[in-house]
Amino acid sequence: MNHFLLRAVDLPILGYMIAYWGGCEIKLRGRLRLLRKVSLLSNPRFRVDRTIESIIESLRSFYRADTCLLILPYGNNGSQLYHLYRADNKSPGIENSRCDGSGYAKVEISRKNGALVLQLKNLRLSGLGDVSFTPKSITERAAALGGKTVVYTNDENETIVSVQIPL
């Protein structure tokens, strides 16, 4: 009787182990495909942006994310110029824009009082009155992480969206 019960228990355990190892192999093959895609060099006739765009699109699709953003400094002269790369599953193309920190958009990331502070600043259009909006999706995501979102206008006529998340 004991031998019979042992065989009945062995079969589900063996099936579970095979399924687990099969799942690990599928994950590993997916990771290897991502590594192969990311490590391929683009044709040198195309610009460097094409390589970056293909990498962030591969990362976005691998992790099944809605959006993938990459912000890189433009140049090495210390100016506030940034390249913003965005891969989105809702739009067919990949956006690549250059933001000029002198008047259009500034992104500042800092650490204050044990919190990560992300500030997005842009020049405010005249005649709009007080700031009366708070981006709902950013506010909800910051609140889920225990943080807060504040929108205000500073003395330099900039609208600032400040997201603070405790570390």
N, C-alpha and C. Protein backbone atom coordinates (compact mmCIF):
# COMPACT_ATOMS: atom_id res chain seq x y z
N MET A 1 0.83 -1.20 0.00
CA MET A 1 0.00 0.00 0.00
C MET A 1 0.87 1.26 0.00
N ASN A 2 1.93 1.27 0.80
CA ASN A 2 2.83 2.41 0.88
C ASN A 2 3.49 2.69 -0.46
N HIS A 3 3.88 1.64 -1.16
CA HIS A 3 4.54 1.76 -2.46
C HIS A 3 3.58 2.38 -3.49
N PHE A 4 2.32 1.99 -3.42
CA PHE A 4 1.31 2.51 -4.34
C PHE A 4 1.09 4.01 -4.12
N LEU A 5 1.02 4.48 -2.88
CA LEU A 5 0.84 5.91 -2.59
C LEU A 5 2.05 6.72 -3.00
N LEU A 6 3.23 6.14 -2.85
CA LEU A 6 4.45 6.83 -3.23
C LEU A 6 4.49 7.10 -4.73
N ARG A 7 4.05 6.13 -5.55
CA ARG A 7 3.99 6.33 -7.00
C ARG A 7 2.97 7.40 -7.37
N ALA A 8 1.84 7.43 -6.68
CA ALA A 8 0.80 8.42 -6.97
C ALA A 8 1.27 9.84 -6.64
N VAL A 9 2.12 10.00 -5.65
CA VAL A 9 2.64 11.32 -5.28
C VAL A 9 3.80 11.70 -6.19
N ASP A 10 4.58 10.74 -6.63
CA ASP A 10 5.74 11.02 -7.49
C ASP A 10 5.32 11.64 -8.82
N LEU A 11 4.24 11.19 -9.39
CA LEU A 11 3.82 11.66 -10.71
C LEU A 11 3.49 13.16 -10.70
N PRO A 12 2.69 13.70 -9.77
CA PRO A 12 2.45 15.15 -9.76
C PRO A 12 3.71 15.96 -9.47
N ILE A 13 4.58 15.44 -8.61
CA ILE A 13 5.82 16.16 -8.30
C ILE A 13 6.70 16.22 -9.54
N LEU A 14 6.83 15.14 -10.27
CA LEU A 14 7.62 15.11 -11.49
C LEU A 14 7.01 16.05 -12.54
N GLY A 15 5.69 16.06 -12.65
CA GLY A 15 5.02 16.97 -13.58
C GLY A 15 5.26 18.43 -13.23
N TYR A 16 5.20 18.76 -11.95
CA TYR A 16 5.46 20.12 -11.50
C TYR A 16 6.89 20.53 -11.84
N MET A 17 7.86 19.65 -11.60
CA MET A 17 9.26 19.97 -11.87
C MET A 17 9.48 20.18 -13.36
N ILE A 18 8.88 19.37 -14.20
CA ILE A 18 9.03 19.53 -15.65
C ILE A 18 8.42 20.85 -16.10
N ALA A 19 7.23 21.18 -15.57
CA ALA A 19 6.59 22.45 -15.93
C ALA A 19 7.41 23.64 -15.47
N TYR A 20 7.97 23.57 -14.28
CA TYR A 20 8.79 24.66 -13.74
C TYR A 20 10.04 24.86 -14.59
N TRP A 21 10.74 23.78 -14.91
CA TRP A 21 11.95 23.88 -15.72
C TRP A 21 11.62 24.35 -17.14
N GLY A 22 10.49 23.93 -17.66
CA GLY A 22 10.07 24.40 -18.99
C GLY A 22 9.80 25.89 -18.99
N GLY A 23 9.16 26.40 -17.91
CA GLY A 23 8.92 27.84 -17.79
C GLY A 23 10.21 28.62 -17.68
N CYS A 24 11.16 28.07 -16.93
CA CYS A 24 12.47 28.74 -16.82
C CYS A 24 13.17 28.79 -18.17
N GLU A 25 13.06 27.72 -18.95
CA GLU A 25 13.69 27.71 -20.27
C GLU A 25 13.05 28.73 -21.20
N ILE A 26 11.74 28.89 -21.13
CA ILE A 26 11.05 29.88 -21.96
C ILE A 26 11.50 31.29 -21.58
N LYS A 27 11.59 31.58 -20.27
CA LYS A 27 12.08 32.88 -19.81
C LYS A 27 13.51 33.14 -20.28
N LEU A 28 14.35 32.12 -20.15
CA LEU A 28 15.75 32.26 -20.55
C LEU A 28 15.87 32.53 -22.05
N ARG A 29 15.09 31.83 -22.85
CA ARG A 29 15.13 32.06 -24.30
C ARG A 29 14.66 33.47 -24.64
N GLY A 30 13.65 33.96 -23.94
CA GLY A 30 13.20 35.34 -24.16
C GLY A 30 14.28 36.35 -23.80
N ARG A 31 14.96 36.11 -22.69
CA ARG A 31 16.05 37.01 -22.29
C ARG A 31 17.21 36.97 -23.29
N LEU A 32 17.50 35.79 -23.80
CA LEU A 32 18.56 35.68 -24.80
C LEU A 32 18.17 36.39 -26.10
N ARG A 33 16.89 36.31 -26.50
CA ARG A 33 16.43 37.05 -27.69
C ARG A 33 16.58 38.55 -27.47
N LEU A 34 16.22 39.02 -26.27
CA LEU A 34 16.38 40.44 -25.96
C LEU A 34 17.86 40.83 -26.01
N LEU A 35 18.72 40.04 -25.43
CA LEU A 35 20.15 40.32 -25.44
C LEU A 35 20.68 40.36 -26.87
N ARG A 36 20.23 39.44 -27.71
CA ARG A 36 20.67 39.41 -29.10
C ARG A 36 20.21 40.67 -29.83
N LYS A 37 18.96 41.08 -29.61
CA LYS A 37 18.44 42.29 -30.26
C LYS A 37 19.19 43.54 -29.81
N VAL A 38 19.42 43.64 -28.51
CA VAL A 38 20.06 44.84 -27.96
C VAL A 38 21.53 44.93 -28.36
N SER A 39 22.19 43.79 -28.48
CA SER A 39 23.62 43.82 -28.77
C SER A 39 23.94 43.93 -30.25
N LEU A 40 22.94 43.84 -31.12
CA LEU A 40 23.21 43.99 -32.55
C LEU A 40 23.55 45.44 -32.87
N LEU A 41 24.54 45.62 -33.68
CA LEU A 41 24.92 46.96 -34.11
C LEU A 41 24.05 47.38 -35.28
N SER A 42 23.62 48.61 -35.26
CA SER A 42 22.85 49.13 -36.39
C SER A 42 23.80 49.46 -37.53
N ASN A 43 23.22 49.61 -38.68
CA ASN A 43 23.99 49.98 -39.86
C ASN A 43 24.61 51.36 -39.63
N PRO A 44 25.92 51.52 -39.85
CA PRO A 44 26.57 52.81 -39.57
C PRO A 44 26.05 53.95 -40.45
N ARG A 45 25.38 53.62 -41.54
CA ARG A 45 24.83 54.68 -42.38
C ARG A 45 23.66 55.38 -41.68
N PHE A 46 23.02 54.67 -40.77
CA PHE A 46 21.93 55.28 -40.01
C PHE A 46 22.52 56.03 -38.82
N ARG A 47 21.76 56.90 -38.26
CA ARG A 47 22.24 57.69 -37.13
C ARG A 47 22.25 56.86 -35.84
N VAL A 48 22.93 57.36 -34.83
CA VAL A 48 23.01 56.68 -33.54
C VAL A 48 21.62 56.60 -32.91
N ASP A 49 20.78 57.58 -33.20
CA ASP A 49 19.43 57.58 -32.65
C ASP A 49 18.67 56.31 -33.02
N ARG A 50 18.91 55.79 -34.18
CA ARG A 50 18.22 54.57 -34.62
C ARG A 50 18.57 53.39 -33.71
N THR A 51 19.82 53.29 -33.30
CA THR A 51 20.23 52.23 -32.38
C THR A 51 19.53 52.38 -31.04
N ILE A 52 19.51 53.60 -30.52
CA ILE A 52 18.86 53.85 -29.23
C ILE A 52 17.37 53.55 -29.33
N GLU A 53 16.75 53.98 -30.41
CA GLU A 53 15.31 53.75 -30.59
C GLU A 53 14.99 52.26 -30.63
N SER A 54 15.80 51.48 -31.33
CA SER A 54 15.54 50.04 -31.39
C SER A 54 15.75 49.38 -30.04
N ILE A 55 16.73 49.86 -29.26
CA ILE A 55 16.97 49.28 -27.93
C ILE A 55 15.80 49.55 -26.99
N ILE A 56 15.32 50.81 -26.95
CA ILE A 56 14.23 51.08 -26.01
C ILE A 56 12.93 50.44 -26.47
N GLU A 57 12.72 50.28 -27.77
CA GLU A 57 11.54 49.56 -28.24
C GLU A 57 11.62 48.09 -27.87
N SER A 58 12.81 47.50 -27.96
CA SER A 58 12.99 46.10 -27.56
C SER A 58 12.75 45.92 -26.06
N LEU A 59 13.27 46.85 -25.25
CA LEU A 59 13.04 46.78 -23.81
C LEU A 59 11.56 46.95 -23.47
N ARG A 60 10.89 47.89 -24.14
CA ARG A 60 9.47 48.12 -23.88
C ARG A 60 8.65 46.87 -24.20
N SER A 61 8.92 46.26 -25.35
CA SER A 61 8.14 45.09 -25.73
C SER A 61 8.48 43.87 -24.85
N PHE A 62 9.75 43.73 -24.43
CA PHE A 62 10.12 42.60 -23.59
C PHE A 62 9.41 42.65 -22.25
N TYR A 63 9.36 43.82 -21.64
CA TYR A 63 8.71 43.97 -20.34
C TYR A 63 7.22 44.26 -20.45
N ARG A 64 6.70 44.28 -21.67
CA ARG A 64 5.28 44.53 -21.94
C ARG A 64 4.80 45.82 -21.29
N ALA A 65 5.64 46.85 -21.39
CA ALA A 65 5.30 48.15 -20.81
C ALA A 65 4.52 48.98 -21.82
N ASP A 66 3.75 49.93 -21.33
CA ASP A 66 3.02 50.83 -22.21
C ASP A 66 3.96 51.84 -22.85
N THR A 67 4.91 52.34 -22.06
CA THR A 67 5.80 53.39 -22.53
C THR A 67 7.20 53.16 -21.96
N CYS A 68 8.20 53.50 -22.75
CA CYS A 68 9.58 53.48 -22.29
C CYS A 68 10.19 54.83 -22.62
N LEU A 69 10.73 55.50 -21.62
CA LEU A 69 11.35 56.81 -21.80
C LEU A 69 12.83 56.72 -21.48
N LEU A 70 13.62 57.45 -22.25
CA LEU A 70 15.05 57.56 -21.99
C LEU A 70 15.43 59.02 -22.17
N ILE A 71 15.99 59.62 -21.12
CA ILE A 71 16.43 61.01 -21.17
C ILE A 71 17.94 61.01 -21.07
N LEU A 72 18.60 61.56 -22.11
CA LEU A 72 20.06 61.62 -22.15
C LEU A 72 20.51 63.05 -22.31
N PRO A 73 21.59 63.44 -21.66
CA PRO A 73 22.11 64.80 -21.86
C PRO A 73 22.61 64.95 -23.29
N TYR A 74 22.41 66.13 -23.85
CA TYR A 74 22.85 66.42 -25.21
C TYR A 74 24.16 67.20 -25.12
N GLY A 75 25.22 66.59 -25.59
CA GLY A 75 26.53 67.24 -25.51
C GLY A 75 27.15 67.06 -24.14
N ASN A 76 28.38 67.53 -24.01
CA ASN A 76 29.07 67.37 -22.73
C ASN A 76 29.58 68.72 -22.21
N ASN A 77 28.90 69.79 -22.62
CA ASN A 77 29.36 71.11 -22.21
C ASN A 77 28.63 71.64 -20.98
N GLY A 78 27.84 70.81 -20.32
CA GLY A 78 27.16 71.23 -19.10
C GLY A 78 25.89 72.02 -19.32
N SER A 79 25.44 72.16 -20.57
CA SER A 79 24.20 72.90 -20.81
C SER A 79 23.01 72.03 -20.44
N GLN A 80 21.86 72.65 -20.37
CA GLN A 80 20.66 71.92 -19.99
C GLN A 80 19.88 71.50 -21.24
N LEU A 81 20.55 70.80 -22.12
CA LEU A 81 19.91 70.25 -23.31
C LEU A 81 19.80 68.75 -23.14
N TYR A 82 18.65 68.20 -23.52
CA TYR A 82 18.41 66.77 -23.34
C TYR A 82 17.78 66.19 -24.60
N HIS A 83 18.13 64.93 -24.86
CA HIS A 83 17.41 64.13 -25.84
C HIS A 83 16.37 63.34 -25.07
N LEU A 84 15.16 63.33 -25.56
CA LEU A 84 14.10 62.53 -24.96
C LEU A 84 13.68 61.49 -25.99
N TYR A 85 13.88 60.23 -25.67
CA TYR A 85 13.47 59.13 -26.53
C TYR A 85 12.27 58.47 -25.89
N ARG A 86 11.27 58.15 -26.70
CA ARG A 86 10.05 57.55 -26.17
C ARG A 86 9.56 56.46 -27.11
N ALA A 87 9.34 55.27 -26.57
CA ALA A 87 8.74 54.17 -27.32
C ALA A 87 7.40 53.89 -26.66
N ASP A 88 6.36 53.89 -27.45
CA ASP A 88 5.00 53.77 -26.93
C ASP A 88 4.27 52.69 -27.71
N ASN A 89 3.54 51.82 -27.03
CA ASN A 89 2.83 50.77 -27.76
C ASN A 89 1.53 51.27 -28.37
N LYS A 90 1.12 52.49 -28.06
CA LYS A 90 -0.11 53.03 -28.61
C LYS A 90 0.12 53.78 -29.91
N SER A 91 1.33 54.28 -30.12
CA SER A 91 1.62 55.00 -31.35
C SER A 91 2.62 54.18 -32.16
N PRO A 92 2.50 54.19 -33.47
CA PRO A 92 3.33 53.31 -34.29
C PRO A 92 4.81 53.67 -34.31
N GLY A 93 5.16 54.95 -34.21
CA GLY A 93 6.56 55.35 -34.33
C GLY A 93 7.18 55.63 -32.99
N ILE A 94 8.47 55.89 -33.03
CA ILE A 94 9.21 56.25 -31.83
C ILE A 94 9.51 57.73 -31.90
N GLU A 95 9.21 58.43 -30.84
CA GLU A 95 9.45 59.86 -30.83
C GLU A 95 10.87 60.13 -30.37
N ASN A 96 11.48 61.11 -30.98
CA ASN A 96 12.80 61.56 -30.56
C ASN A 96 12.76 63.07 -30.61
N SER A 97 12.81 63.69 -29.47
CA SER A 97 12.76 65.15 -29.45
C SER A 97 13.94 65.68 -28.66
N ARG A 98 14.34 66.86 -28.99
CA ARG A 98 15.42 67.52 -28.27
C ARG A 98 14.79 68.66 -27.49
N CYS A 99 14.95 68.65 -26.18
CA CYS A 99 14.37 69.68 -25.34
C CYS A 99 15.43 70.69 -24.96
N ASP A 100 15.16 71.94 -25.14
CA ASP A 100 16.08 73.02 -24.80
C ASP A 100 15.75 73.49 -23.40
N GLY A 101 16.66 73.32 -22.47
CA GLY A 101 16.41 73.68 -21.09
C GLY A 101 16.37 75.18 -20.86
N SER A 102 16.75 75.98 -21.85
CA SER A 102 16.76 77.42 -21.64
C SER A 102 15.36 78.02 -21.64
N GLY A 103 14.37 77.38 -22.21
CA GLY A 103 13.07 77.99 -22.22
C GLY A 103 11.92 77.03 -22.38
N TYR A 104 12.11 75.86 -22.85
CA TYR A 104 10.98 74.98 -23.11
C TYR A 104 10.73 73.98 -22.00
N ALA A 105 11.68 73.10 -21.75
CA ALA A 105 11.46 72.09 -20.71
C ALA A 105 12.76 71.81 -19.96
N LYS A 106 12.66 71.78 -18.66
CA LYS A 106 13.80 71.44 -17.81
C LYS A 106 13.40 70.25 -16.95
N VAL A 107 14.30 69.33 -16.80
CA VAL A 107 14.07 68.18 -15.93
C VAL A 107 15.16 68.20 -14.87
N GLU A 108 14.77 68.23 -13.61
CA GLU A 108 15.73 68.22 -12.51
C GLU A 108 15.42 67.04 -11.60
N ILE A 109 16.44 66.27 -11.29
CA ILE A 109 16.30 65.15 -10.36
C ILE A 109 17.27 65.40 -9.21
N SER A 110 16.74 65.37 -7.99
CA SER A 110 17.60 65.63 -6.83
C SER A 110 17.10 64.80 -5.64
N ARG A 111 17.85 64.89 -4.56
CA ARG A 111 17.49 64.23 -3.32
C ARG A 111 17.44 65.27 -2.23
N LYS A 112 16.27 65.42 -1.60
CA LYS A 112 16.09 66.40 -0.53
C LYS A 112 15.35 65.74 0.63
N ASN A 113 15.89 65.89 1.81
CA ASN A 113 15.25 65.40 3.05
C ASN A 113 14.83 63.93 2.94
N GLY A 114 15.68 63.09 2.39
CA GLY A 114 15.38 61.66 2.30
C GLY A 114 14.35 61.30 1.26
N ALA A 115 14.10 62.18 0.29
CA ALA A 115 13.11 61.90 -0.76
C ALA A 115 13.72 62.19 -2.12
N LEU A 116 13.31 61.42 -3.10
CA LEU A 116 13.67 61.67 -4.48
C LEU A 116 12.73 62.74 -5.02
N VAL A 117 13.30 63.81 -5.60
CA VAL A 117 12.49 64.91 -6.10
C VAL A 117 12.72 65.04 -7.60
N LEU A 118 11.66 64.89 -8.36
CA LEU A 118 11.70 65.06 -9.81
C LEU A 118 10.88 66.30 -10.15
N GLN A 119 11.52 67.27 -10.80
CA GLN A 119 10.82 68.50 -11.16
C GLN A 119 10.85 68.68 -12.66
N LEU A 120 9.68 68.93 -13.23
CA LEU A 120 9.53 69.23 -14.64
C LEU A 120 9.12 70.70 -14.73
N LYS A 121 9.92 71.50 -15.43
CA LYS A 121 9.65 72.94 -15.51
C LYS A 121 9.49 73.32 -16.98
N ASN A 122 8.52 74.18 -17.25
CA ASN A 122 8.45 74.77 -18.57
C ASN A 122 7.96 76.21 -18.45
N LEU A 123 8.30 76.99 -19.46
CA LEU A 123 7.95 78.40 -19.47
C LEU A 123 6.44 78.53 -19.56
N ARG A 124 5.89 79.34 -18.72
CA ARG A 124 4.46 79.51 -18.63
C ARG A 124 3.99 80.55 -19.62
N LEU A 125 2.88 80.25 -20.28
CA LEU A 125 2.30 81.22 -21.21
C LEU A 125 1.65 82.35 -20.42
N SER A 126 1.77 83.56 -20.91
CA SER A 126 1.22 84.70 -20.18
C SER A 126 -0.30 84.74 -20.32
N GLY A 127 -0.94 85.29 -19.31
CA GLY A 127 -2.39 85.49 -19.33
C GLY A 127 -3.21 84.27 -18.98
N LEU A 128 -2.62 83.24 -18.38
CA LEU A 128 -3.37 82.04 -18.06
C LEU A 128 -3.91 82.03 -16.63
N GLY A 129 -3.52 82.97 -15.82
CA GLY A 129 -3.99 82.99 -14.43
C GLY A 129 -3.23 81.99 -13.59
N ASP A 130 -3.83 81.60 -12.45
CA ASP A 130 -3.19 80.67 -11.53
C ASP A 130 -3.17 79.25 -12.08
N VAL A 131 -2.24 78.46 -11.55
CA VAL A 131 -2.17 77.05 -11.92
C VAL A 131 -3.35 76.35 -11.25
N SER A 132 -4.15 75.66 -12.06
CA SER A 132 -5.34 75.03 -11.49
C SER A 132 -5.46 73.58 -11.92
N PHE A 133 -4.36 72.91 -12.13
CA PHE A 133 -4.42 71.51 -12.52
C PHE A 133 -3.36 70.73 -11.78
N THR A 134 -3.62 69.45 -11.66
CA THR A 134 -2.63 68.51 -11.15
C THR A 134 -2.76 67.26 -12.02
N PRO A 135 -1.67 66.83 -12.64
CA PRO A 135 -1.77 65.64 -13.50
C PRO A 135 -2.18 64.42 -12.70
N LYS A 136 -3.33 63.86 -13.05
CA LYS A 136 -3.93 62.79 -12.25
C LYS A 136 -3.08 61.52 -12.23
N SER A 137 -2.57 61.08 -13.39
CA SER A 137 -1.84 59.82 -13.41
C SER A 137 -0.54 59.92 -12.62
N ILE A 138 0.15 61.05 -12.71
CA ILE A 138 1.39 61.23 -11.95
C ILE A 138 1.09 61.26 -10.46
N THR A 139 0.02 61.95 -10.08
CA THR A 139 -0.37 62.05 -8.67
C THR A 139 -0.71 60.68 -8.10
N GLU A 140 -1.45 59.89 -8.86
CA GLU A 140 -1.83 58.55 -8.38
C GLU A 140 -0.61 57.65 -8.22
N ARG A 141 0.32 57.72 -9.16
CA ARG A 141 1.51 56.87 -9.08
C ARG A 141 2.42 57.30 -7.94
N ALA A 142 2.55 58.61 -7.73
CA ALA A 142 3.36 59.09 -6.62
C ALA A 142 2.72 58.69 -5.29
N ALA A 143 1.40 58.80 -5.18
CA ALA A 143 0.70 58.42 -3.95
C ALA A 143 0.85 56.93 -3.67
N ALA A 144 0.86 56.11 -4.72
CA ALA A 144 1.02 54.67 -4.53
C ALA A 144 2.40 54.34 -3.96
N LEU A 145 3.38 55.22 -4.21
CA LEU A 145 4.73 55.02 -3.67
C LEU A 145 4.94 55.80 -2.37
N GLY A 146 3.88 56.39 -1.84
CA GLY A 146 3.98 57.13 -0.59
C GLY A 146 4.45 58.56 -0.78
N GLY A 147 4.39 59.07 -1.98
CA GLY A 147 4.86 60.43 -2.27
C GLY A 147 3.74 61.39 -2.54
N LYS A 148 4.11 62.56 -3.07
CA LYS A 148 3.11 63.57 -3.38
C LYS A 148 3.53 64.35 -4.62
N THR A 149 2.55 64.98 -5.24
CA THR A 149 2.77 65.80 -6.43
C THR A 149 2.25 67.20 -6.16
N VAL A 150 3.05 68.20 -6.50
CA VAL A 150 2.68 69.59 -6.30
C VAL A 150 2.92 70.33 -7.62
N VAL A 151 1.95 71.17 -8.02
CA VAL A 151 2.10 72.01 -9.21
C VAL A 151 2.03 73.45 -8.77
N TYR A 152 3.03 74.26 -9.18
CA TYR A 152 3.04 75.67 -8.79
C TYR A 152 3.79 76.48 -9.84
N THR A 153 3.71 77.80 -9.69
CA THR A 153 4.43 78.73 -10.56
C THR A 153 5.46 79.46 -9.73
N ASN A 154 6.70 79.55 -10.23
CA ASN A 154 7.74 80.24 -9.48
C ASN A 154 7.87 81.70 -9.94
N ASP A 155 8.85 82.42 -9.39
CA ASP A 155 9.04 83.83 -9.71
C ASP A 155 9.55 84.07 -11.13
N GLU A 156 10.08 83.02 -11.76
CA GLU A 156 10.61 83.16 -13.11
C GLU A 156 9.58 82.82 -14.18
N ASN A 157 8.29 82.79 -13.80
CA ASN A 157 7.18 82.53 -14.70
C ASN A 157 7.25 81.13 -15.31
N GLU A 158 7.66 80.16 -14.50
CA GLU A 158 7.71 78.77 -14.93
C GLU A 158 6.65 77.97 -14.19
N THR A 159 5.99 77.08 -14.88
CA THR A 159 5.10 76.13 -14.24
C THR A 159 5.94 74.92 -13.87
N ILE A 160 5.85 74.50 -12.62
CA ILE A 160 6.68 73.41 -12.11
C ILE A 160 5.78 72.29 -11.60
N VAL A 161 6.01 71.09 -12.09
CA VAL A 161 5.38 69.88 -11.57
C VAL A 161 6.45 69.17 -10.75
N SER A 162 6.26 69.13 -9.45
CA SER A 162 7.25 68.54 -8.53
C SER A 162 6.69 67.25 -7.95
N VAL A 163 7.42 66.17 -8.14
CA VAL A 163 7.03 64.86 -7.62
C VAL A 163 8.06 64.47 -6.58
N GLN A 164 7.59 64.20 -5.35
CA GLN A 164 8.47 63.83 -4.25
C GLN A 164 8.11 62.44 -3.77
N ILE A 165 9.09 61.52 -3.79
CA ILE A 165 8.87 60.14 -3.37
C ILE A 165 9.89 59.80 -2.31
N PRO A 166 9.44 59.36 -1.13
CA PRO A 166 10.38 59.01 -0.06
C PRO A 166 11.24 57.82 -0.44
N LEU A 167 12.52 57.89 -0.03
CA LEU A 167 13.45 56.78 -0.31
C LEU A 167 13.47 55.80 0.82
